[in-house]
Amino acid sequence: MSWLYIALLAGAVAVLVGAEWPRLAERAGFQSRERRSRARRKQHLRVVRKESDDFAASVQRDLERLPTTKERDTRRR
């Protein structure tokens, strides 16, 4: 075997492992560790149900600052 065939074989193996990596990682248990880590990080998060007035005012200011063209402004008046 020449070095070209060995290089092609190594490349084919690398492509095969790269294509099958998600399935191999799932079977090896790599994702379960990541899933547990993510669950631990999410425990500290909280959902904000009520929007604050500061947020609404901030959005209103941002909307007012958006650039408009004169053509659109004349149609509105």
PDB file of N, CA and C in Angstrom:
ATOM      1  N   MET A   1       0.841  -1.181   0.000  1.00  0.00           N
ATOM      2  CA  MET A   1       0.000   0.000   0.000  1.00  0.00           C
ATOM      3  C   MET A   1       0.886   1.244   0.000  1.00  0.00           C
ATOM      4  N   SER A   2       0.480   2.192  -0.758  1.00  0.00           N
ATOM      5  CA  SER A   2       1.248   3.428  -0.811  1.00  0.00           C
ATOM      6  C   SER A   2       0.691   4.424   0.204  1.00  0.00           C
ATOM      7  N   TRP A   3       1.383   5.518   0.392  1.00  0.00           N
ATOM      8  CA  TRP A   3       0.956   6.529   1.367  1.00  0.00           C
ATOM      9  C   TRP A   3      -0.342   7.199   0.946  1.00  0.00           C
ATOM     10  N   LEU A   4      -0.630   7.255  -0.358  1.00  0.00           N
ATOM     11  CA  LEU A   4      -1.867   7.853  -0.846  1.00  0.00           C
ATOM     12  C   LEU A   4      -3.076   7.044  -0.389  1.00  0.00           C
ATOM     13  N   TYR A   5      -2.998   5.731  -0.495  1.00  0.00           N
ATOM     14  CA  TYR A   5      -4.106   4.872  -0.061  1.00  0.00           C
ATOM     15  C   TYR A   5      -4.313   4.966   1.440  1.00  0.00           C
ATOM     16  N   ILE A   6      -3.241   5.063   2.190  1.00  0.00           N
ATOM     17  CA  ILE A   6      -3.351   5.183   3.650  1.00  0.00           C
ATOM     18  C   ILE A   6      -3.998   6.522   4.017  1.00  0.00           C
ATOM     19  N   ALA A   7      -3.619   7.573   3.312  1.00  0.00           N
ATOM     20  CA  ALA A   7      -4.200   8.890   3.572  1.00  0.00           C
ATOM     21  C   ALA A   7      -5.686   8.905   3.221  1.00  0.00           C
ATOM     22  N   LEU A   8      -6.054   8.291   2.101  1.00  0.00           N
ATOM     23  CA  LEU A   8      -7.472   8.217   1.719  1.00  0.00           C
ATOM     24  C   LEU A   8      -8.275   7.389   2.720  1.00  0.00           C
ATOM     25  N   LEU A   9      -7.698   6.289   3.182  1.00  0.00           N
ATOM     26  CA  LEU A   9      -8.369   5.471   4.176  1.00  0.00           C
ATOM     27  C   LEU A   9      -8.551   6.235   5.487  1.00  0.00           C
ATOM     28  N   ALA A  10      -7.534   6.962   5.917  1.00  0.00           N
ATOM     29  CA  ALA A  10      -7.635   7.762   7.141  1.00  0.00           C
ATOM     30  C   ALA A  10      -8.675   8.869   6.977  1.00  0.00           C
ATOM     31  N   GLY A  11      -8.733   9.466   5.821  1.00  0.00           N
ATOM     32  CA  GLY A  11      -9.741  10.497   5.553  1.00  0.00           C
ATOM     33  C   GLY A  11     -11.150   9.929   5.580  1.00  0.00           C
ATOM     34  N   ALA A  12     -11.325   8.741   5.003  1.00  0.00           N
ATOM     35  CA  ALA A  12     -12.640   8.103   4.997  1.00  0.00           C
ATOM     36  C   ALA A  12     -13.077   7.756   6.420  1.00  0.00           C
ATOM     37  N   VAL A  13     -12.149   7.279   7.221  1.00  0.00           N
ATOM     38  CA  VAL A  13     -12.471   6.957   8.616  1.00  0.00           C
ATOM     39  C   VAL A  13     -12.838   8.227   9.372  1.00  0.00           C
ATOM     40  N   ALA A  14     -12.119   9.317   9.141  1.00  0.00           N
ATOM     41  CA  ALA A  14     -12.414  10.584   9.804  1.00  0.00           C
ATOM     42  C   ALA A  14     -13.798  11.098   9.411  1.00  0.00           C
ATOM     43  N   VAL A  15     -14.157  10.984   8.145  1.00  0.00           N
ATOM     44  CA  VAL A  15     -15.481  11.412   7.687  1.00  0.00           C
ATOM     45  C   VAL A  15     -16.560  10.543   8.317  1.00  0.00           C
ATOM     46  N   LEU A  16     -16.337   9.253   8.390  1.00  0.00           N
ATOM     47  CA  LEU A  16     -17.312   8.342   8.985  1.00  0.00           C
ATOM     48  C   LEU A  16     -17.521   8.646  10.462  1.00  0.00           C
ATOM     49  N   VAL A  17     -16.443   8.854  11.192  1.00  0.00           N
ATOM     50  CA  VAL A  17     -16.562   9.174  12.621  1.00  0.00           C
ATOM     51  C   VAL A  17     -17.242  10.523  12.803  1.00  0.00           C
ATOM     52  N   GLY A  18     -16.928  11.495  11.973  1.00  0.00           N
ATOM     53  CA  GLY A  18     -17.571  12.802  12.059  1.00  0.00           C
ATOM     54  C   GLY A  18     -19.060  12.742  11.781  1.00  0.00           C
ATOM     55  N   ALA A  19     -19.452  11.907  10.826  1.00  0.00           N
ATOM     56  CA  ALA A  19     -20.866  11.791  10.491  1.00  0.00           C
ATOM     57  C   ALA A  19     -21.645  11.049  11.568  1.00  0.00           C
ATOM     58  N   GLU A  20     -21.025  10.102  12.206  1.00  0.00           N
ATOM     59  CA  GLU A  20     -21.706   9.294  13.218  1.00  0.00           C
ATOM     60  C   GLU A  20     -21.484   9.791  14.643  1.00  0.00           C
ATOM     61  N   TRP A  21     -20.781  10.907  14.821  1.00  0.00           N
ATOM     62  CA  TRP A  21     -20.438  11.375  16.157  1.00  0.00           C
ATOM     63  C   TRP A  21     -21.649  11.614  17.059  1.00  0.00           C
ATOM     64  N   PRO A  22     -22.742  12.233  16.592  1.00  0.00           N
ATOM     65  CA  PRO A  22     -23.880  12.433  17.501  1.00  0.00           C
ATOM     66  C   PRO A  22     -24.420  11.115  18.068  1.00  0.00           C
ATOM     67  N   ARG A  23     -24.506  10.119  17.244  1.00  0.00           N
ATOM     68  CA  ARG A  23     -25.009   8.826  17.714  1.00  0.00           C
ATOM     69  C   ARG A  23     -24.007   8.151  18.637  1.00  0.00           C
ATOM     70  N   LEU A  24     -22.725   8.257  18.328  1.00  0.00           N
ATOM     71  CA  LEU A  24     -21.707   7.674  19.193  1.00  0.00           C
ATOM     72  C   LEU A  24     -21.652   8.378  20.549  1.00  0.00           C
ATOM     73  N   ALA A  25     -21.772   9.695  20.547  1.00  0.00           N
ATOM     74  CA  ALA A  25     -21.730  10.452  21.793  1.00  0.00           C
ATOM     75  C   ALA A  25     -22.933  10.121  22.670  1.00  0.00           C
ATOM     76  N   GLU A  26     -24.089   9.904  22.047  1.00  0.00           N
ATOM     77  CA  GLU A  26     -25.295   9.557  22.806  1.00  0.00           C
ATOM     78  C   GLU A  26     -25.126   8.209  23.493  1.00  0.00           C
ATOM     79  N   ARG A  27     -24.570   7.265  22.808  1.00  0.00           N
ATOM     80  CA  ARG A  27     -24.358   5.941  23.389  1.00  0.00           C
ATOM     81  C   ARG A  27     -23.277   5.953  24.463  1.00  0.00           C
ATOM     82  N   ALA A  28     -22.284   6.824  24.310  1.00  0.00           N
ATOM     83  CA  ALA A  28     -21.188   6.882  25.276  1.00  0.00           C
ATOM     84  C   ALA A  28     -21.595   7.634  26.539  1.00  0.00           C
ATOM     85  N   GLY A  29     -22.698   8.389  26.498  1.00  0.00           N
ATOM     86  CA  GLY A  29     -23.170   9.084  27.683  1.00  0.00           C
ATOM     87  C   GLY A  29     -22.642  10.486  27.839  1.00  0.00           C
ATOM     88  N   PHE A  30     -22.053  11.069  26.795  1.00  0.00           N
ATOM     89  CA  PHE A  30     -21.530  12.426  26.888  1.00  0.00           C
ATOM     90  C   PHE A  30     -22.655  13.443  27.047  1.00  0.00           C
ATOM     91  N   GLN A  31     -23.788  13.198  26.413  1.00  0.00           N
ATOM     92  CA  GLN A  31     -24.886  14.156  26.474  1.00  0.00           C
ATOM     93  C   GLN A  31     -25.584  14.142  27.817  1.00  0.00           C
ATOM     94  N   SER A  32     -25.577  13.027  28.513  1.00  0.00           N
ATOM     95  CA  SER A  32     -26.253  12.992  29.808  1.00  0.00           C
ATOM     96  C   SER A  32     -25.552  13.898  30.802  1.00  0.00           C
ATOM     97  N   ARG A  33     -24.240  13.960  30.750  1.00  0.00           N
ATOM     98  CA  ARG A  33     -23.494  14.870  31.622  1.00  0.00           C
ATOM     99  C   ARG A  33     -23.842  16.311  31.295  1.00  0.00           C
ATOM    100  N   GLU A  34     -23.907  16.628  30.016  1.00  0.00           N
ATOM    101  CA  GLU A  34     -24.252  17.985  29.597  1.00  0.00           C
ATOM    102  C   GLU A  34     -25.689  18.314  30.006  1.00  0.00           C
ATOM    103  N   ARG A  35     -26.592  17.367  29.883  1.00  0.00           N
ATOM    104  CA  ARG A  35     -27.993  17.567  30.259  1.00  0.00           C
ATOM    105  C   ARG A  35     -28.112  17.863  31.758  1.00  0.00           C
ATOM    106  N   ARG A  36     -27.371  17.130  32.586  1.00  0.00           N
ATOM    107  CA  ARG A  36     -27.408  17.374  34.032  1.00  0.00           C
ATOM    108  C   ARG A  36     -26.825  18.738  34.366  1.00  0.00           C
ATOM    109  N   SER A  37     -25.752  19.101  33.691  1.00  0.00           N
ATOM    110  CA  SER A  37     -25.133  20.403  33.921  1.00  0.00           C
ATOM    111  C   SER A  37     -26.090  21.528  33.547  1.00  0.00           C
ATOM    112  N   ARG A  38     -26.782  21.378  32.453  1.00  0.00           N
ATOM    113  CA  ARG A  38     -27.739  22.398  32.018  1.00  0.00           C
ATOM    114  C   ARG A  38     -28.900  22.495  32.994  1.00  0.00           C
ATOM    115  N   ALA A  39     -29.365  21.363  33.496  1.00  0.00           N
ATOM    116  CA  ALA A  39     -30.457  21.371  34.468  1.00  0.00           C
ATOM    117  C   ALA A  39     -30.043  22.110  35.741  1.00  0.00           C
ATOM    118  N   ARG A  40     -28.800  21.916  36.181  1.00  0.00           N
ATOM    119  CA  ARG A  40     -28.308  22.635  37.360  1.00  0.00           C
ATOM    120  C   ARG A  40     -28.260  24.137  37.118  1.00  0.00           C
ATOM    121  N   ARG A  41     -27.832  24.546  35.932  1.00  0.00           N
ATOM    122  CA  ARG A  41     -27.774  25.974  35.628  1.00  0.00           C
ATOM    123  C   ARG A  41     -29.172  26.573  35.542  1.00  0.00           C
ATOM    124  N   LYS A  42     -30.128  25.827  35.033  1.00  0.00           N
ATOM    125  CA  LYS A  42     -31.481  26.335  34.860  1.00  0.00           C
ATOM    126  C   LYS A  42     -32.234  26.460  36.180  1.00  0.00           C
ATOM    127  N   GLN A  43     -31.794  25.798  37.235  1.00  0.00           N
ATOM    128  CA  GLN A  43     -32.471  25.883  38.514  1.00  0.00           C
ATOM    129  C   GLN A  43     -32.463  27.304  39.060  1.00  0.00           C
ATOM    130  N   HIS A  44     -31.451  28.085  38.711  1.00  0.00           N
ATOM    131  CA  HIS A  44     -31.320  29.433  39.237  1.00  0.00           C
ATOM    132  C   HIS A  44     -32.095  30.463  38.416  1.00  0.00           C
ATOM    133  N   LEU A  45     -32.671  30.070  37.318  1.00  0.00           N
ATOM    134  CA  LEU A  45     -33.410  31.005  36.473  1.00  0.00           C
ATOM    135  C   LEU A  45     -34.834  31.151  36.985  1.00  0.00           C
ATOM    136  N   ARG A  46     -35.432  32.294  36.691  1.00  0.00           N
ATOM    137  CA  ARG A  46     -36.828  32.489  37.061  1.00  0.00           C
ATOM    138  C   ARG A  46     -37.543  33.161  35.894  1.00  0.00           C
ATOM    139  N   VAL A  47     -38.834  32.959  35.832  1.00  0.00           N
ATOM    140  CA  VAL A  47     -39.650  33.533  34.772  1.00  0.00           C
ATOM    141  C   VAL A  47     -40.285  34.805  35.308  1.00  0.00           C
ATOM    142  N   VAL A  48     -40.151  35.874  34.551  1.00  0.00           N
ATOM    143  CA  VAL A  48     -40.769  37.138  34.933  1.00  0.00           C
ATOM    144  C   VAL A  48     -42.109  37.216  34.231  1.00  0.00           C
ATOM    145  N   ARG A  49     -43.161  37.224  34.996  1.00  0.00           N
ATOM    146  CA  ARG A  49     -44.518  37.219  34.428  1.00  0.00           C
ATOM    147  C   ARG A  49     -44.993  38.618  34.045  1.00  0.00           C
ATOM    148  N   LYS A  50     -44.697  39.619  34.863  1.00  0.00           N
ATOM    149  CA  LYS A  50     -45.214  40.961  34.642  1.00  0.00           C
ATOM    150  C   LYS A  50     -44.114  41.843  34.064  1.00  0.00           C
ATOM    151  N   GLU A  51     -44.436  42.502  32.969  1.00  0.00           N
ATOM    152  CA  GLU A  51     -43.463  43.418  32.376  1.00  0.00           C
ATOM    153  C   GLU A  51     -43.410  44.697  33.192  1.00  0.00           C
ATOM    154  N   SER A  52     -42.241  45.196  33.390  1.00  0.00           N
ATOM    155  CA  SER A  52     -42.107  46.417  34.178  1.00  0.00           C
ATOM    156  C   SER A  52     -42.393  47.631  33.302  1.00  0.00           C
ATOM    157  N   ASP A  53     -42.711  48.732  33.965  1.00  0.00           N
ATOM    158  CA  ASP A  53     -42.969  49.980  33.244  1.00  0.00           C
ATOM    159  C   ASP A  53     -41.695  50.495  32.583  1.00  0.00           C
ATOM    160  N   ASP A  54     -40.547  50.228  33.199  1.00  0.00           N
ATOM    161  CA  ASP A  54     -39.287  50.665  32.612  1.00  0.00           C
ATOM    162  C   ASP A  54     -39.061  50.007  31.260  1.00  0.00           C
ATOM    163  N   PHE A  55     -39.403  48.732  31.173  1.00  0.00           N
ATOM    164  CA  PHE A  55     -39.221  48.022  29.912  1.00  0.00           C
ATOM    165  C   PHE A  55     -40.143  48.600  28.843  1.00  0.00           C
ATOM    166  N   ALA A  56     -41.398  48.841  29.196  1.00  0.00           N
ATOM    167  CA  ALA A  56     -42.350  49.395  28.231  1.00  0.00           C
ATOM    168  C   ALA A  56     -41.903  50.781  27.773  1.00  0.00           C
ATOM    169  N   ALA A  57     -41.414  51.595  28.699  1.00  0.00           N
ATOM    170  CA  ALA A  57     -40.936  52.928  28.334  1.00  0.00           C
ATOM    171  C   ALA A  57     -39.709  52.829  27.438  1.00  0.00           C
ATOM    172  N   SER A  58     -38.843  51.877  27.723  1.00  0.00           N
ATOM    173  CA  SER A  58     -37.644  51.673  26.910  1.00  0.00           C
ATOM    174  C   SER A  58     -38.017  51.288  25.478  1.00  0.00           C
ATOM    175  N   VAL A  59     -38.971  50.397  25.343  1.00  0.00           N
ATOM    176  CA  VAL A  59     -39.414  49.979  24.006  1.00  0.00           C
ATOM    177  C   VAL A  59     -40.027  51.156  23.269  1.00  0.00           C
ATOM    178  N   GLN A  60     -40.846  51.944  23.956  1.00  0.00           N
ATOM    179  CA  GLN A  60     -41.472  53.099  23.323  1.00  0.00           C
ATOM    180  C   GLN A  60     -40.422  54.100  22.846  1.00  0.00           C
ATOM    181  N   ARG A  61     -39.395  54.353  23.670  1.00  0.00           N
ATOM    182  CA  ARG A  61     -38.322  55.269  23.267  1.00  0.00           C
ATOM    183  C   ARG A  61     -37.585  54.729  22.045  1.00  0.00           C
ATOM    184  N   ASP A  62     -37.328  53.428  22.027  1.00  0.00           N
ATOM    185  CA  ASP A  62     -36.626  52.838  20.886  1.00  0.00           C
ATOM    186  C   ASP A  62     -37.447  52.953  19.615  1.00  0.00           C
ATOM    187  N   LEU A  63     -38.750  52.744  19.730  1.00  0.00           N
ATOM    188  CA  LEU A  63     -39.609  52.863  18.552  1.00  0.00           C
ATOM    189  C   LEU A  63     -39.653  54.296  18.032  1.00  0.00           C
ATOM    190  N   GLU A  64     -39.650  55.248  18.925  1.00  0.00           N
ATOM    191  CA  GLU A  64     -39.687  56.646  18.502  1.00  0.00           C
ATOM    192  C   GLU A  64     -38.375  57.070  17.838  1.00  0.00           C
ATOM    193  N   ARG A  65     -37.279  56.434  18.198  1.00  0.00           N
ATOM    194  CA  ARG A  65     -35.971  56.792  17.653  1.00  0.00           C
ATOM    195  C   ARG A  65     -35.667  56.120  16.322  1.00  0.00           C
ATOM    196  N   LEU A  66     -36.517  55.224  15.874  1.00  0.00           N
ATOM    197  CA  LEU A  66     -36.267  54.549  14.606  1.00  0.00           C
ATOM    198  C   LEU A  66     -36.294  55.555  13.463  1.00  0.00           C
ATOM    199  N   PRO A  67     -35.368  55.437  12.535  1.00  0.00           N
ATOM    200  CA  PRO A  67     -35.356  56.382  11.415  1.00  0.00           C
ATOM    201  C   PRO A  67     -36.518  56.116  10.457  1.00  0.00           C
ATOM    202  N   THR A  68     -37.079  57.180   9.970  1.00  0.00           N
ATOM    203  CA  THR A  68     -38.160  57.075   8.988  1.00  0.00           C
ATOM    204  C   THR A  68     -37.815  57.952   7.799  1.00  0.00           C
ATOM    205  N   THR A  69     -38.470  57.705   6.700  1.00  0.00           N
ATOM    206  CA  THR A  69     -38.245  58.552   5.530  1.00  0.00           C
ATOM    207  C   THR A  69     -39.295  59.649   5.512  1.00  0.00           C
ATOM    208  N   LYS A  70     -38.992  60.729   4.861  1.00  0.00           N
ATOM    209  CA  LYS A  70     -39.927  61.857   4.802  1.00  0.00           C
ATOM    210  C   LYS A  70     -41.199  61.460   4.060  1.00  0.00           C
ATOM    211  N   GLU A  71     -41.052  60.562   3.096  1.00  0.00           N
ATOM    212  CA  GLU A  71     -42.209  60.132   2.316  1.00  0.00           C
ATOM    213  C   GLU A  71     -43.249  59.463   3.207  1.00  0.00           C
ATOM    214  N   ARG A  72     -42.837  58.644   4.085  1.00  0.00           N
ATOM    215  CA  ARG A  72     -43.757  57.965   4.998  1.00  0.00           C
ATOM    216  C   ARG A  72     -44.373  58.965   5.980  1.00  0.00           C
ATOM    217  N   ASP A  73     -43.591  59.938   6.421  1.00  0.00           N
ATOM    218  CA  ASP A  73     -44.089  60.923   7.375  1.00  0.00           C
ATOM    219  C   ASP A  73     -45.177  61.802   6.743  1.00  0.00           C
ATOM    220  N   THR A  74     -45.019  62.149   5.486  1.00  0.00           N
ATOM    221  CA  THR A  74     -46.020  63.003   4.847  1.00  0.00           C
ATOM    222  C   THR A  74     -47.323  62.258   4.609  1.00  0.00           C
ATOM    223  N   ARG A  75     -47.277  60.952   4.412  1.00  0.00           N
ATOM    224  CA  ARG A  75     -48.505  60.168   4.226  1.00  0.00           C
ATOM    225  C   ARG A  75     -49.304  60.074   5.513  1.00  0.00           C
ATOM    226  N   ARG A  76     -48.638  60.046   6.628  1.00  0.00           N
ATOM    227  CA  ARG A  76     -49.320  59.912   7.905  1.00  0.00           C
ATOM    228  C   ARG A  76     -50.026  61.197   8.307  1.00  0.00           C
ATOM    229  N   ARG A  77     -49.561  62.328   7.873  1.00  0.00           N
ATOM    230  CA  ARG A  77     -50.140  63.610   8.306  1.00  0.00           C
ATOM    231  C   ARG A  77     -51.229  64.021   7.432  1.00  0.00           C
TER     232      ARG A  77
END
